[in-house]
Structure formats: structure tokens, C-alpha cells
Amino acid sequence: MRVVIQRVSQASVSVNGSITGTIGIGLLILAGFEHTDTDEDIEWMAGKITRLRIFNDSEGVMNLSVMDVDGQLLVVSQFTLHAKTKKGNRPSYVQAAPPDIAIPLYEKFMTMLEKITGKRVERGIFGAMMDVSLTNAGPVTIIMDSKNRDL
């Protein structure tokens, strides 16, 4: 599982001009799943994201988590995070999980985030053409991969 996390002051996602998810202060999470992802990957990623200390404390130091600031979460599925660009100019997406595998992983990820935070997680629509709007606060952008936890 690979994610791009952006600390935002606001973010939204829409499909065909209709907003499907919107948040204020919190995290926009772009999430891509691969066919080898497991429940352990989901649990590790959800726990890590909710504990990341990337919000400023009263001293202006990134020392608080999204839960500490009572922030919101917006998750958008994005299979292109698993693009391979080694050969040629057209990315390959063979590592990305097909929908029959990715959708249950996506739903488990949402459920885990909601369980940890005790809040509804806003979201896009899996597989849809989505327009994402955000104001990246900082900017702060972090990339994480459950298969490469050193990132």
C-alpha cells in the first residue's frame, strides 16, 4: 500500500461536478493498493497516518497528530501511485491491484481509520474520474509505502 499524505487547511473531491467529500483542517490521503497488500499493511498504514506528528504545536513545531488537532481525513483512491516508469514513456500499472482486490482493501482502510479516529472519513468514489481540490498547509507532503517502511 502506498500513500501520499498532504496536510491541508481544506480539501474536497468531486465527481461530475458533485462534491463527494470535503474537509477543513486535516489530511488528504491519496491511497494506492497493490495485489500483495494485506490486512497488516492496512492496519500499519492507518495507525501510522493517525499518529504522524505533522501539525504545529503552540511553539510552531510539528509535534501534533491529526487526532491531537481534531482534524479530518479525506481519502482518495489512486492506482497511479503504483506506476512503473522504468521502460519507455508510458507508465505501467501492473503492480496496482485490480478493483476486485483493491475495493475491499480501500473499504478496510476507511473502516480502520474511522475506528482509530472515531470520526467519519470523507472520500471520493473508487475508480471514478475525480477532481481533487486542496490547500496544502505548509506545504507538508509525505509519501509512505507499507512495503518500504523506511520511506
C-alpha atoms as a PDB file:
ATOM      1  CA  MET A   1       0.000   0.000   0.000  1.00  0.00           C
ATOM      2  CA  ARG A   2       1.337   3.378  -0.986  1.00  0.00           C
ATOM      3  CA  VAL A   3       0.018   6.759   0.135  1.00  0.00           C
ATOM      4  CA  VAL A   4       0.705  10.415  -0.390  1.00  0.00           C
ATOM      5  CA  ILE A   5      -0.366  12.420   2.650  1.00  0.00           C
ATOM      6  CA  GLN A   6      -0.897  16.153   2.438  1.00  0.00           C
ATOM      7  CA  ARG A   7      -1.525  18.362   5.440  1.00  0.00           C
ATOM      8  CA  VAL A   8      -4.343  20.661   4.362  1.00  0.00           C
ATOM      9  CA  SER A   9      -6.328  23.628   5.595  1.00  0.00           C
ATOM     10  CA  GLN A  10      -9.128  22.436   3.291  1.00  0.00           C
ATOM     11  CA  ALA A  11      -9.677  19.795   0.643  1.00  0.00           C
ATOM     12  CA  SER A  12     -12.505  18.350  -1.398  1.00  0.00           C
ATOM     13  CA  VAL A  13     -13.134  15.764  -4.072  1.00  0.00           C
ATOM     14  CA  SER A  14     -15.879  15.847  -6.661  1.00  0.00           C
ATOM     15  CA  VAL A  15     -17.217  13.547  -9.349  1.00  0.00           C
ATOM     16  CA  ASN A  16     -19.101  15.024 -12.316  1.00  0.00           C
ATOM     17  CA  GLY A  17     -19.282  18.377 -10.540  1.00  0.00           C
ATOM     18  CA  SER A  18     -20.799  16.964  -7.325  1.00  0.00           C
ATOM     19  CA  ILE A  19     -18.722  17.054  -4.142  1.00  0.00           C
ATOM     20  CA  THR A  20     -18.396  13.576  -2.617  1.00  0.00           C
ATOM     21  CA  GLY A  21     -16.097  14.541   0.250  1.00  0.00           C
ATOM     22  CA  THR A  22     -14.888  17.733   1.859  1.00  0.00           C
ATOM     23  CA  ILE A  23     -12.781  18.584   4.918  1.00  0.00           C
ATOM     24  CA  GLY A  24     -11.303  21.544   6.736  1.00  0.00           C
ATOM     25  CA  ILE A  25      -8.040  21.186   8.653  1.00  0.00           C
ATOM     26  CA  GLY A  26      -6.702  17.661   8.359  1.00  0.00           C
ATOM     27  CA  LEU A  27      -5.114  15.223   5.948  1.00  0.00           C
ATOM     28  CA  LEU A  28      -5.789  14.480   2.302  1.00  0.00           C
ATOM     29  CA  ILE A  29      -4.664  10.899   1.723  1.00  0.00           C
ATOM     30  CA  LEU A  30      -4.130   9.598  -1.802  1.00  0.00           C
ATOM     31  CA  ALA A  31      -4.118   5.806  -1.452  1.00  0.00           C
ATOM     32  CA  GLY A  32      -2.988   3.144  -3.907  1.00  0.00           C
ATOM     33  CA  PHE A  33      -3.236  -0.583  -3.307  1.00  0.00           C
ATOM     34  CA  GLU A  34      -1.292  -3.443  -4.828  1.00  0.00           C
ATOM     35  CA  HIS A  35      -2.294  -7.068  -5.220  1.00  0.00           C
ATOM     36  CA  THR A  36       0.010  -8.248  -2.395  1.00  0.00           C
ATOM     37  CA  ASP A  37      -1.400  -5.882   0.269  1.00  0.00           C
ATOM     38  CA  THR A  38      -2.781  -7.499   3.411  1.00  0.00           C
ATOM     39  CA  ASP A  39      -4.773  -6.515   6.479  1.00  0.00           C
ATOM     40  CA  GLU A  40      -1.433  -5.962   8.235  1.00  0.00           C
ATOM     41  CA  ASP A  41      -0.492  -3.328   5.624  1.00  0.00           C
ATOM     42  CA  ILE A  42      -3.835  -1.579   6.157  1.00  0.00           C
ATOM     43  CA  GLU A  43      -3.539  -1.636   9.953  1.00  0.00           C
ATOM     44  CA  TRP A  44       0.063  -0.407   9.928  1.00  0.00           C
ATOM     45  CA  MET A  45      -0.705   2.411   7.496  1.00  0.00           C
ATOM     46  CA  ALA A  46      -3.854   3.591   9.277  1.00  0.00           C
ATOM     47  CA  GLY A  47      -2.075   3.596  12.634  1.00  0.00           C
ATOM     48  CA  LYS A  48       0.974   5.385  11.296  1.00  0.00           C
ATOM     49  CA  ILE A  49      -1.043   8.072   9.498  1.00  0.00           C
ATOM     50  CA  THR A  50      -3.198   8.880  12.513  1.00  0.00           C
ATOM     51  CA  ARG A  51      -0.128   9.137  14.786  1.00  0.00           C
ATOM     52  CA  LEU A  52       2.096  11.172  12.433  1.00  0.00           C
ATOM     53  CA  ARG A  53       3.135  14.346  14.223  1.00  0.00           C
ATOM     54  CA  ILE A  54       2.941  16.825  11.344  1.00  0.00           C
ATOM     55  CA  PHE A  55       0.754  19.586  12.804  1.00  0.00           C
ATOM     56  CA  ASN A  56       2.236  22.547  14.637  1.00  0.00           C
ATOM     57  CA  ASP A  57       2.038  22.896  18.385  1.00  0.00           C
ATOM     58  CA  SER A  58       1.838  26.252  20.192  1.00  0.00           C
ATOM     59  CA  GLU A  59       5.604  26.703  19.640  1.00  0.00           C
ATOM     60  CA  GLY A  60       5.259  26.258  15.871  1.00  0.00           C
ATOM     61  CA  VAL A  61       6.929  22.832  15.953  1.00  0.00           C
ATOM     62  CA  MET A  62       5.415  19.882  14.085  1.00  0.00           C
ATOM     63  CA  ASN A  63       4.618  17.904  17.206  1.00  0.00           C
ATOM     64  CA  LEU A  64       0.888  17.094  16.938  1.00  0.00           C
ATOM     65  CA  SER A  65      -1.060  14.403  15.104  1.00  0.00           C
ATOM     66  CA  VAL A  66      -4.280  14.822  13.137  1.00  0.00           C
ATOM     67  CA  MET A  67      -6.072  13.426  16.181  1.00  0.00           C
ATOM     68  CA  ASP A  68      -4.382  15.944  18.505  1.00  0.00           C
ATOM     69  CA  VAL A  69      -5.706  18.849  16.395  1.00  0.00           C
ATOM     70  CA  ASP A  70      -9.149  17.237  15.957  1.00  0.00           C
ATOM     71  CA  GLY A  71      -8.504  17.208  12.208  1.00  0.00           C
ATOM     72  CA  GLN A  72     -10.443  15.477   9.479  1.00  0.00           C
ATOM     73  CA  LEU A  73      -9.449  12.881   6.881  1.00  0.00           C
ATOM     74  CA  LEU A  74     -10.236  12.736   3.170  1.00  0.00           C
ATOM     75  CA  VAL A  75      -9.162   9.584   1.304  1.00  0.00           C
ATOM     76  CA  VAL A  76      -8.991   9.374  -2.482  1.00  0.00           C
ATOM     77  CA  SER A  77      -8.123   6.116  -4.229  1.00  0.00           C
ATOM     78  CA  GLN A  78      -5.275   6.498  -6.712  1.00  0.00           C
ATOM     79  CA  PHE A  79      -3.923   3.440  -8.504  1.00  0.00           C
ATOM     80  CA  THR A  80      -1.390   5.600 -10.363  1.00  0.00           C
ATOM     81  CA  LEU A  81       0.733   5.698  -7.198  1.00  0.00           C
ATOM     82  CA  HIS A  82       1.989   2.278  -8.320  1.00  0.00           C
ATOM     83  CA  ALA A  83       3.138   3.485 -11.742  1.00  0.00           C
ATOM     84  CA  LYS A  84       6.349   1.964 -13.036  1.00  0.00           C
ATOM     85  CA  THR A  85       8.257   4.304 -15.343  1.00  0.00           C
ATOM     86  CA  LYS A  86      11.485   2.378 -15.927  1.00  0.00           C
ATOM     87  CA  LYS A  87      10.824   1.436 -19.547  1.00  0.00           C
ATOM     88  CA  GLY A  88       9.514   3.787 -22.192  1.00  0.00           C
ATOM     89  CA  ASN A  89       7.331   6.814 -21.620  1.00  0.00           C
ATOM     90  CA  ARG A  90       4.014   5.149 -20.879  1.00  0.00           C
ATOM     91  CA  PRO A  91       3.728   4.150 -17.202  1.00  0.00           C
ATOM     92  CA  SER A  92       2.871   0.557 -16.369  1.00  0.00           C
ATOM     93  CA  TYR A  93       0.335  -0.133 -13.638  1.00  0.00           C
ATOM     94  CA  VAL A  94       0.791  -3.904 -13.302  1.00  0.00           C
ATOM     95  CA  GLN A  95       1.603  -3.559  -9.577  1.00  0.00           C
ATOM     96  CA  ALA A  96      -1.709  -1.831  -8.874  1.00  0.00           C
ATOM     97  CA  ALA A  97      -4.382  -4.160  -7.530  1.00  0.00           C
ATOM     98  CA  PRO A  98      -7.376  -4.799  -9.797  1.00  0.00           C
ATOM     99  CA  PRO A  99     -10.712  -3.492  -8.482  1.00  0.00           C
ATOM    100  CA  ASP A 100     -11.843  -6.863  -7.088  1.00  0.00           C
ATOM    101  CA  ILE A 101      -8.832  -6.783  -4.731  1.00  0.00           C
ATOM    102  CA  ALA A 102      -8.397  -3.021  -4.298  1.00  0.00           C
ATOM    103  CA  ILE A 103     -12.002  -2.127  -3.372  1.00  0.00           C
ATOM    104  CA  PRO A 104     -12.144  -4.374  -0.280  1.00  0.00           C
ATOM    105  CA  LEU A 105      -8.715  -3.058   0.800  1.00  0.00           C
ATOM    106  CA  TYR A 106      -9.907   0.526   0.303  1.00  0.00           C
ATOM    107  CA  GLU A 107     -13.026  -0.157   2.390  1.00  0.00           C
ATOM    108  CA  LYS A 108     -10.973  -1.835   5.142  1.00  0.00           C
ATOM    109  CA  PHE A 109      -8.658   1.175   5.181  1.00  0.00           C
ATOM    110  CA  MET A 110     -11.620   3.550   5.632  1.00  0.00           C
ATOM    111  CA  THR A 111     -13.084   1.383   8.374  1.00  0.00           C
ATOM    112  CA  MET A 112      -9.748   1.227  10.203  1.00  0.00           C
ATOM    113  CA  LEU A 113      -9.255   4.999  10.004  1.00  0.00           C
ATOM    114  CA  GLU A 114     -12.796   5.572  11.306  1.00  0.00           C
ATOM    115  CA  LYS A 115     -12.239   3.092  14.129  1.00  0.00           C
ATOM    116  CA  ILE A 116      -8.997   4.784  15.201  1.00  0.00           C
ATOM    117  CA  THR A 117     -10.244   8.375  14.933  1.00  0.00           C
ATOM    118  CA  GLY A 118     -13.865   7.848  15.939  1.00  0.00           C
ATOM    119  CA  LYS A 119     -14.850  10.093  13.023  1.00  0.00           C
ATOM    120  CA  ARG A 120     -16.335   9.650   9.577  1.00  0.00           C
ATOM    121  CA  VAL A 121     -13.688   9.609   6.868  1.00  0.00           C
ATOM    122  CA  GLU A 122     -14.609  11.670   3.825  1.00  0.00           C
ATOM    123  CA  ARG A 123     -13.903  10.032   0.476  1.00  0.00           C
ATOM    124  CA  GLY A 124     -14.021  10.028  -3.260  1.00  0.00           C
ATOM    125  CA  ILE A 125     -15.633   7.315  -5.376  1.00  0.00           C
ATOM    126  CA  PHE A 126     -13.367   4.371  -6.103  1.00  0.00           C
ATOM    127  CA  GLY A 127     -12.488   4.127  -9.800  1.00  0.00           C
ATOM    128  CA  ALA A 128     -14.283   7.337 -10.793  1.00  0.00           C
ATOM    129  CA  MET A 129     -12.729  10.273 -12.615  1.00  0.00           C
ATOM    130  CA  MET A 130     -12.324  12.672  -9.681  1.00  0.00           C
ATOM    131  CA  ASP A 131     -11.356  16.298  -9.324  1.00  0.00           C
ATOM    132  CA  VAL A 132      -9.395  16.965  -6.139  1.00  0.00           C
ATOM    133  CA  SER A 133      -9.031  20.455  -4.722  1.00  0.00           C
ATOM    134  CA  LEU A 134      -6.817  21.313  -1.766  1.00  0.00           C
ATOM    135  CA  THR A 135      -4.890  23.953   0.059  1.00  0.00           C
ATOM    136  CA  ASN A 136      -1.684  22.266   1.185  1.00  0.00           C
ATOM    137  CA  ALA A 137      -0.754  23.795   4.546  1.00  0.00           C
ATOM    138  CA  GLY A 138       2.996  24.236   4.876  1.00  0.00           C
ATOM    139  CA  PRO A 139       3.342  22.719   2.366  1.00  0.00           C
ATOM    140  CA  VAL A 140       3.645  19.349   4.076  1.00  0.00           C
ATOM    141  CA  THR A 141       3.569  16.270   1.831  1.00  0.00           C
ATOM    142  CA  ILE A 142       4.695  12.809   2.932  1.00  0.00           C
ATOM    143  CA  ILE A 143       4.981   9.597   0.935  1.00  0.00           C
ATOM    144  CA  MET A 144       4.663   6.247   2.705  1.00  0.00           C
ATOM    145  CA  ASP A 145       4.756   2.666   1.454  1.00  0.00           C
ATOM    146  CA  SER A 146       3.826  -0.315   3.610  1.00  0.00           C
ATOM    147  CA  LYS A 147       6.328  -2.460   1.688  1.00  0.00           C
ATOM    148  CA  ASN A 148       9.135   0.066   2.208  1.00  0.00           C
ATOM    149  CA  ARG A 149       8.626   1.403   5.708  1.00  0.00           C
ATOM    150  CA  ASP A 150      11.920   3.349   5.553  1.00  0.00           C
ATOM    151  CA  LEU A 151      10.420   5.953   3.180  1.00  0.00           C
END
